[in-house]
Amino acid sequence: MSPADLRVLTECVETGDRILSKGRLEPDDLEPYRQMNVQFHNTVIQGANNRYMTDFVRQCHNVPLASDRIFVWEDYEVIKRSHDDHRRIAEALLERDSERAEYLMREHVFFAGVVLQRSLDKDLQQQRIKFDLATAV
């Protein structure tokens, strides 16, 4: 990963820090956070210089709900935890610790999947309740 890429990751972490320093999620912060998130992920992917990973991520962007451009902007603690992942990933890359960076990225992706699944389960449960209420009337 180039020094320029590492600077971008550091700037992304700093941007996320500023956004989350309020201790709550503001609707106006969603777009700047999303832009930072996409830039962080794109920088890591490009910096890895791995065609297979690049192709895999590109294909994921074509799958609904599997893109880094979609995430749940509801729970401050979830976003903060994800941002802390970014910080640890950036630190590992700055230290040139590729094994740790890979492990942290895997955990980051896994956690994102867990959060997405919980959100979908919650939405499905709410739809069932609405349906049950509508059919009971």
N, C-alpha and C. Protein backbone atom coordinates (compact mmCIF):
# COMPACT_ATOMS: atom_id res chain seq x y z
N MET A 1 0.85 -1.16 0.00
CA MET A 1 0.00 0.00 0.00
C MET A 1 0.90 1.24 0.00
N SER A 2 0.56 2.17 -0.86
CA SER A 2 1.42 3.34 -1.03
C SER A 2 1.25 4.32 0.14
N PRO A 3 2.24 5.21 0.33
CA PRO A 3 2.10 6.25 1.35
C PRO A 3 0.86 7.11 1.12
N ALA A 4 0.51 7.37 -0.13
CA ALA A 4 -0.70 8.16 -0.44
C ALA A 4 -1.95 7.42 0.03
N ASP A 5 -2.00 6.11 -0.22
CA ASP A 5 -3.13 5.32 0.24
C ASP A 5 -3.24 5.35 1.76
N LEU A 6 -2.12 5.24 2.43
CA LEU A 6 -2.12 5.26 3.90
C LEU A 6 -2.60 6.60 4.43
N ARG A 7 -2.25 7.69 3.73
CA ARG A 7 -2.73 9.02 4.13
C ARG A 7 -4.24 9.10 3.97
N VAL A 8 -4.77 8.54 2.88
CA VAL A 8 -6.21 8.54 2.65
C VAL A 8 -6.92 7.79 3.78
N LEU A 9 -6.38 6.63 4.16
CA LEU A 9 -7.01 5.86 5.25
C LEU A 9 -6.99 6.65 6.55
N THR A 10 -5.88 7.31 6.83
CA THR A 10 -5.79 8.14 8.04
C THR A 10 -6.81 9.27 8.00
N GLU A 11 -6.95 9.90 6.85
CA GLU A 11 -7.95 10.98 6.70
C GLU A 11 -9.37 10.44 6.87
N CYS A 12 -9.62 9.26 6.36
CA CYS A 12 -10.96 8.65 6.52
C CYS A 12 -11.26 8.41 8.00
N VAL A 13 -10.29 7.88 8.72
CA VAL A 13 -10.49 7.65 10.15
C VAL A 13 -10.75 8.97 10.87
N GLU A 14 -9.99 9.99 10.52
CA GLU A 14 -10.20 11.31 11.14
C GLU A 14 -11.58 11.87 10.82
N THR A 15 -12.04 11.69 9.59
CA THR A 15 -13.38 12.15 9.20
C THR A 15 -14.44 11.43 10.02
N GLY A 16 -14.31 10.12 10.12
CA GLY A 16 -15.25 9.35 10.93
C GLY A 16 -15.23 9.79 12.38
N ASP A 17 -14.05 10.05 12.91
CA ASP A 17 -13.93 10.54 14.29
C ASP A 17 -14.72 11.82 14.49
N ARG A 18 -14.57 12.75 13.54
CA ARG A 18 -15.29 14.03 13.65
C ARG A 18 -16.81 13.81 13.63
N ILE A 19 -17.26 12.97 12.72
CA ILE A 19 -18.70 12.72 12.59
C ILE A 19 -19.25 12.06 13.85
N LEU A 20 -18.52 11.12 14.40
CA LEU A 20 -19.02 10.36 15.55
C LEU A 20 -18.72 11.03 16.88
N SER A 21 -17.97 12.12 16.88
CA SER A 21 -17.60 12.78 18.13
C SER A 21 -18.81 13.36 18.86
N LYS A 22 -19.93 13.51 18.18
CA LYS A 22 -21.15 14.04 18.80
C LYS A 22 -21.78 13.04 19.76
N GLY A 23 -21.44 11.77 19.59
CA GLY A 23 -22.02 10.74 20.45
C GLY A 23 -23.39 10.29 20.01
N ARG A 24 -23.81 10.68 18.83
CA ARG A 24 -25.11 10.29 18.29
C ARG A 24 -25.06 10.40 16.77
N LEU A 25 -26.01 9.75 16.12
CA LEU A 25 -26.09 9.80 14.66
C LEU A 25 -27.06 10.89 14.24
N GLU A 26 -26.59 11.79 13.39
CA GLU A 26 -27.41 12.86 12.86
C GLU A 26 -27.75 12.54 11.41
N PRO A 27 -28.99 12.77 10.98
CA PRO A 27 -29.35 12.50 9.58
C PRO A 27 -28.43 13.20 8.58
N ASP A 28 -28.01 14.42 8.89
CA ASP A 28 -27.14 15.17 7.97
C ASP A 28 -25.74 14.56 7.85
N ASP A 29 -25.38 13.69 8.78
CA ASP A 29 -24.05 13.07 8.74
C ASP A 29 -24.02 11.78 7.93
N LEU A 30 -25.19 11.28 7.55
CA LEU A 30 -25.23 10.02 6.82
C LEU A 30 -24.42 10.08 5.53
N GLU A 31 -24.64 11.08 4.70
CA GLU A 31 -23.96 11.13 3.41
C GLU A 31 -22.45 11.31 3.56
N PRO A 32 -21.98 12.24 4.41
CA PRO A 32 -20.52 12.35 4.57
C PRO A 32 -19.90 11.05 5.13
N TYR A 33 -20.62 10.38 6.04
CA TYR A 33 -20.09 9.13 6.57
C TYR A 33 -20.06 8.06 5.49
N ARG A 34 -21.12 8.00 4.69
CA ARG A 34 -21.18 7.02 3.60
C ARG A 34 -20.02 7.25 2.62
N GLN A 35 -19.77 8.52 2.27
CA GLN A 35 -18.67 8.83 1.35
C GLN A 35 -17.33 8.40 1.94
N MET A 36 -17.14 8.67 3.24
CA MET A 36 -15.91 8.26 3.90
C MET A 36 -15.78 6.74 3.89
N ASN A 37 -16.87 6.05 4.17
CA ASN A 37 -16.87 4.59 4.22
C ASN A 37 -16.49 4.00 2.86
N VAL A 38 -17.10 4.51 1.81
CA VAL A 38 -16.79 4.04 0.46
C VAL A 38 -15.32 4.33 0.12
N GLN A 39 -14.85 5.53 0.45
CA GLN A 39 -13.45 5.87 0.16
C GLN A 39 -12.50 4.96 0.94
N PHE A 40 -12.82 4.68 2.19
CA PHE A 40 -11.97 3.80 3.00
C PHE A 40 -11.89 2.42 2.35
N HIS A 41 -13.05 1.85 2.05
CA HIS A 41 -13.08 0.50 1.47
C HIS A 41 -12.41 0.46 0.10
N ASN A 42 -12.69 1.46 -0.74
CA ASN A 42 -12.06 1.49 -2.07
C ASN A 42 -10.55 1.60 -1.97
N THR A 43 -10.07 2.37 -1.02
CA THR A 43 -8.62 2.53 -0.85
C THR A 43 -7.98 1.22 -0.41
N VAL A 44 -8.62 0.52 0.51
CA VAL A 44 -8.09 -0.78 0.95
C VAL A 44 -8.08 -1.76 -0.22
N ILE A 45 -9.17 -1.81 -0.97
CA ILE A 45 -9.28 -2.75 -2.08
C ILE A 45 -8.24 -2.44 -3.16
N GLN A 46 -8.12 -1.17 -3.54
CA GLN A 46 -7.14 -0.80 -4.56
C GLN A 46 -5.72 -1.01 -4.07
N GLY A 47 -5.50 -0.70 -2.80
CA GLY A 47 -4.17 -0.86 -2.23
C GLY A 47 -3.72 -2.30 -2.12
N ALA A 48 -4.68 -3.22 -2.02
CA ALA A 48 -4.35 -4.64 -1.94
C ALA A 48 -3.79 -5.16 -3.26
N ASN A 49 -4.16 -4.49 -4.34
CA ASN A 49 -3.66 -4.86 -5.67
C ASN A 49 -3.90 -6.35 -5.95
N ASN A 50 -5.15 -6.79 -5.66
CA ASN A 50 -5.52 -8.18 -5.83
C ASN A 50 -6.73 -8.24 -6.76
N ARG A 51 -6.51 -8.71 -7.97
CA ARG A 51 -7.57 -8.73 -8.99
C ARG A 51 -8.77 -9.54 -8.53
N TYR A 52 -8.53 -10.66 -7.85
CA TYR A 52 -9.64 -11.51 -7.40
C TYR A 52 -10.51 -10.79 -6.38
N MET A 53 -9.89 -10.09 -5.46
CA MET A 53 -10.66 -9.35 -4.47
C MET A 53 -11.42 -8.21 -5.14
N THR A 54 -10.77 -7.51 -6.05
CA THR A 54 -11.43 -6.42 -6.77
C THR A 54 -12.65 -6.93 -7.53
N ASP A 55 -12.50 -8.05 -8.21
CA ASP A 55 -13.62 -8.64 -8.96
C ASP A 55 -14.74 -9.07 -8.01
N PHE A 56 -14.38 -9.68 -6.89
CA PHE A 56 -15.37 -10.13 -5.92
C PHE A 56 -16.17 -8.95 -5.37
N VAL A 57 -15.48 -7.89 -5.00
CA VAL A 57 -16.17 -6.72 -4.44
C VAL A 57 -17.06 -6.07 -5.50
N ARG A 58 -16.57 -5.99 -6.72
CA ARG A 58 -17.38 -5.42 -7.81
C ARG A 58 -18.66 -6.23 -7.98
N GLN A 59 -18.56 -7.55 -7.94
CA GLN A 59 -19.73 -8.40 -8.06
C GLN A 59 -20.68 -8.21 -6.88
N CYS A 60 -20.13 -8.03 -5.69
CA CYS A 60 -20.98 -7.81 -4.50
C CYS A 60 -21.79 -6.53 -4.62
N HIS A 61 -21.22 -5.53 -5.26
CA HIS A 61 -21.95 -4.27 -5.42
C HIS A 61 -23.19 -4.43 -6.28
N ASN A 62 -23.24 -5.51 -7.05
CA ASN A 62 -24.41 -5.78 -7.88
C ASN A 62 -25.47 -6.62 -7.16
N VAL A 63 -25.16 -7.06 -5.94
CA VAL A 63 -26.10 -7.85 -5.15
C VAL A 63 -26.79 -6.91 -4.16
N PRO A 64 -28.13 -6.85 -4.20
CA PRO A 64 -28.83 -5.97 -3.25
C PRO A 64 -28.42 -6.28 -1.81
N LEU A 65 -28.18 -5.23 -1.05
CA LEU A 65 -27.84 -5.29 0.37
C LEU A 65 -26.46 -5.87 0.67
N ALA A 66 -25.63 -6.10 -0.33
CA ALA A 66 -24.30 -6.67 -0.08
C ALA A 66 -23.19 -5.68 -0.38
N SER A 67 -23.51 -4.44 -0.53
CA SER A 67 -22.54 -3.42 -0.88
C SER A 67 -22.12 -2.63 0.35
N ASP A 68 -20.89 -2.12 0.31
CA ASP A 68 -20.44 -1.25 1.41
C ASP A 68 -21.12 0.12 1.33
N ARG A 69 -21.92 0.32 0.31
CA ARG A 69 -22.64 1.58 0.17
C ARG A 69 -23.97 1.56 0.92
N ILE A 70 -24.34 0.39 1.42
CA ILE A 70 -25.60 0.24 2.14
C ILE A 70 -25.26 -0.21 3.56
N PHE A 71 -25.71 0.53 4.53
CA PHE A 71 -25.54 0.10 5.91
C PHE A 71 -26.62 0.72 6.78
N VAL A 72 -26.75 0.20 7.97
CA VAL A 72 -27.82 0.60 8.87
C VAL A 72 -27.36 1.82 9.66
N TRP A 73 -28.00 2.96 9.43
CA TRP A 73 -27.66 4.23 10.09
C TRP A 73 -28.69 4.49 11.18
N GLU A 74 -28.76 3.57 12.14
CA GLU A 74 -29.74 3.70 13.21
C GLU A 74 -29.11 3.62 14.59
N ASP A 75 -28.09 2.80 14.72
CA ASP A 75 -27.54 2.47 16.03
C ASP A 75 -26.13 3.04 16.14
N TYR A 76 -25.98 4.05 16.98
CA TYR A 76 -24.68 4.71 17.14
C TYR A 76 -23.59 3.70 17.51
N GLU A 77 -23.90 2.79 18.43
CA GLU A 77 -22.89 1.84 18.89
C GLU A 77 -22.41 0.92 17.77
N VAL A 78 -23.31 0.54 16.87
CA VAL A 78 -22.92 -0.30 15.74
C VAL A 78 -22.00 0.47 14.80
N ILE A 79 -22.36 1.71 14.49
CA ILE A 79 -21.53 2.53 13.60
C ILE A 79 -20.18 2.81 14.25
N LYS A 80 -20.19 3.10 15.54
CA LYS A 80 -18.94 3.37 16.26
C LYS A 80 -18.05 2.14 16.24
N ARG A 81 -18.62 0.96 16.44
CA ARG A 81 -17.84 -0.28 16.42
C ARG A 81 -17.24 -0.50 15.03
N SER A 82 -18.03 -0.26 14.01
CA SER A 82 -17.54 -0.41 12.64
C SER A 82 -16.41 0.58 12.36
N HIS A 83 -16.58 1.80 12.84
CA HIS A 83 -15.53 2.81 12.64
C HIS A 83 -14.26 2.43 13.42
N ASP A 84 -14.44 1.86 14.61
CA ASP A 84 -13.27 1.38 15.35
C ASP A 84 -12.55 0.29 14.57
N ASP A 85 -13.32 -0.55 13.84
CA ASP A 85 -12.69 -1.52 12.94
C ASP A 85 -11.81 -0.80 11.93
N HIS A 86 -12.35 0.27 11.33
CA HIS A 86 -11.57 1.04 10.36
C HIS A 86 -10.27 1.52 10.97
N ARG A 87 -10.34 2.01 12.20
CA ARG A 87 -9.14 2.52 12.86
C ARG A 87 -8.10 1.40 13.03
N ARG A 88 -8.55 0.24 13.51
CA ARG A 88 -7.61 -0.87 13.71
C ARG A 88 -7.03 -1.37 12.38
N ILE A 89 -7.87 -1.41 11.35
CA ILE A 89 -7.40 -1.83 10.03
C ILE A 89 -6.34 -0.86 9.51
N ALA A 90 -6.64 0.43 9.62
CA ALA A 90 -5.68 1.45 9.17
C ALA A 90 -4.37 1.34 9.94
N GLU A 91 -4.47 1.14 11.26
CA GLU A 91 -3.25 1.01 12.07
C GLU A 91 -2.43 -0.20 11.63
N ALA A 92 -3.10 -1.33 11.39
CA ALA A 92 -2.38 -2.53 10.96
C ALA A 92 -1.70 -2.28 9.62
N LEU A 93 -2.37 -1.61 8.70
CA LEU A 93 -1.77 -1.33 7.40
C LEU A 93 -0.61 -0.34 7.53
N LEU A 94 -0.76 0.65 8.39
CA LEU A 94 0.34 1.60 8.62
C LEU A 94 1.56 0.88 9.19
N GLU A 95 1.32 -0.13 10.02
CA GLU A 95 2.41 -0.91 10.62
C GLU A 95 2.92 -2.01 9.69
N ARG A 96 2.31 -2.09 8.49
CA ARG A 96 2.67 -3.11 7.49
C ARG A 96 2.43 -4.52 8.01
N ASP A 97 1.42 -4.67 8.87
CA ASP A 97 1.06 -5.97 9.44
C ASP A 97 -0.11 -6.53 8.63
N SER A 98 0.22 -7.16 7.50
CA SER A 98 -0.82 -7.61 6.57
C SER A 98 -1.69 -8.72 7.15
N GLU A 99 -1.11 -9.61 7.96
CA GLU A 99 -1.91 -10.68 8.56
C GLU A 99 -2.99 -10.10 9.47
N ARG A 100 -2.60 -9.18 10.30
CA ARG A 100 -3.57 -8.56 11.22
C ARG A 100 -4.61 -7.77 10.43
N ALA A 101 -4.18 -7.04 9.41
CA ALA A 101 -5.11 -6.27 8.59
C ALA A 101 -6.13 -7.20 7.93
N GLU A 102 -5.66 -8.32 7.41
CA GLU A 102 -6.58 -9.28 6.78
C GLU A 102 -7.59 -9.82 7.79
N TYR A 103 -7.10 -10.21 8.96
CA TYR A 103 -8.00 -10.72 10.00
C TYR A 103 -9.04 -9.67 10.37
N LEU A 104 -8.60 -8.43 10.57
CA LEU A 104 -9.51 -7.36 10.95
C LEU A 104 -10.54 -7.08 9.86
N MET A 105 -10.11 -7.12 8.60
CA MET A 105 -11.06 -6.91 7.49
C MET A 105 -12.09 -8.03 7.46
N ARG A 106 -11.64 -9.26 7.66
CA ARG A 106 -12.59 -10.39 7.68
C ARG A 106 -13.61 -10.20 8.80
N GLU A 107 -13.14 -9.81 9.97
CA GLU A 107 -14.05 -9.58 11.11
C GLU A 107 -15.00 -8.43 10.81
N HIS A 108 -14.50 -7.39 10.17
CA HIS A 108 -15.30 -6.22 9.80
C HIS A 108 -16.44 -6.64 8.86
N VAL A 109 -16.11 -7.43 7.86
CA VAL A 109 -17.12 -7.89 6.91
C VAL A 109 -18.11 -8.83 7.60
N PHE A 110 -17.61 -9.72 8.45
CA PHE A 110 -18.49 -10.63 9.18
C PHE A 110 -19.48 -9.85 10.05
N PHE A 111 -18.96 -8.87 10.80
CA PHE A 111 -19.82 -8.07 11.67
C PHE A 111 -20.87 -7.32 10.86
N ALA A 112 -20.49 -6.78 9.71
CA ALA A 112 -21.45 -6.09 8.84
C ALA A 112 -22.56 -7.04 8.42
N GLY A 113 -22.22 -8.28 8.13
CA GLY A 113 -23.23 -9.27 7.77
C GLY A 113 -24.18 -9.56 8.92
N VAL A 114 -23.64 -9.65 10.14
CA VAL A 114 -24.47 -9.88 11.33
C VAL A 114 -25.44 -8.72 11.52
N VAL A 115 -24.94 -7.51 11.40
CA VAL A 115 -25.79 -6.31 11.57
C VAL A 115 -26.88 -6.28 10.51
N LEU A 116 -26.52 -6.57 9.28
CA LEU A 116 -27.50 -6.58 8.20
C LEU A 116 -28.56 -7.65 8.45
N GLN A 117 -28.14 -8.84 8.86
CA GLN A 117 -29.10 -9.91 9.14
C GLN A 117 -30.05 -9.52 10.26
N ARG A 118 -29.52 -8.92 11.32
CA ARG A 118 -30.38 -8.47 12.43
C ARG A 118 -31.39 -7.43 11.95
N SER A 119 -30.94 -6.52 11.12
CA SER A 119 -31.83 -5.49 10.59
C SER A 119 -32.93 -6.10 9.73
N LEU A 120 -32.56 -7.03 8.87
CA LEU A 120 -33.55 -7.69 8.02
C LEU A 120 -34.53 -8.50 8.85
N ASP A 121 -34.03 -9.20 9.88
CA ASP A 121 -34.92 -9.97 10.76
C ASP A 121 -35.90 -9.05 11.48
N LYS A 122 -35.40 -7.90 11.94
CA LYS A 122 -36.26 -6.93 12.63
C LYS A 122 -37.33 -6.41 11.68
N ASP A 123 -36.94 -6.07 10.46
CA ASP A 123 -37.91 -5.59 9.46
C ASP A 123 -38.95 -6.65 9.15
N LEU A 124 -38.52 -7.90 9.01
CA LEU A 124 -39.44 -8.99 8.72
C LEU A 124 -40.42 -9.17 9.87
N GLN A 125 -39.93 -9.11 11.10
CA GLN A 125 -40.80 -9.24 12.27
C GLN A 125 -41.83 -8.12 12.30
N GLN A 126 -41.41 -6.90 11.99
CA GLN A 126 -42.35 -5.77 11.96
C GLN A 126 -43.40 -5.97 10.87
N GLN A 127 -43.01 -6.49 9.73
CA GLN A 127 -43.98 -6.76 8.66
C GLN A 127 -44.97 -7.83 9.08
N ARG A 128 -44.50 -8.85 9.78
CA ARG A 128 -45.41 -9.91 10.27
C ARG A 128 -46.43 -9.34 11.24
N ILE A 129 -45.96 -8.47 12.14
CA ILE A 129 -46.87 -7.86 13.11
C ILE A 129 -47.92 -7.04 12.40
N LYS A 130 -47.52 -6.23 11.41
CA LYS A 130 -48.48 -5.43 10.65
C LYS A 130 -49.48 -6.33 9.94
N PHE A 131 -49.00 -7.42 9.36
CA PHE A 131 -49.88 -8.35 8.65
C PHE A 131 -50.85 -9.00 9.62
N ASP A 132 -50.35 -9.44 10.79
CA ASP A 132 -51.21 -10.07 11.79
C ASP A 132 -52.28 -9.10 12.27
N LEU A 133 -51.91 -7.84 12.48
CA LEU A 133 -52.88 -6.83 12.93
C LEU A 133 -53.92 -6.57 11.85
N ALA A 134 -53.49 -6.53 10.59
CA ALA A 134 -54.41 -6.26 9.49
C ALA A 134 -55.39 -7.41 9.30
N THR A 135 -54.94 -8.62 9.46
CA THR A 135 -55.84 -9.77 9.25
C THR A 135 -56.72 -10.03 10.46
N ALA A 136 -56.36 -9.50 11.62
CA ALA A 136 -57.17 -9.69 12.83
C ALA A 136 -58.38 -8.77 12.85
N VAL A 137 -58.37 -7.73 12.04
CA VAL A 137 -59.46 -6.75 12.04
C VAL A 137 -60.63 -7.20 11.23
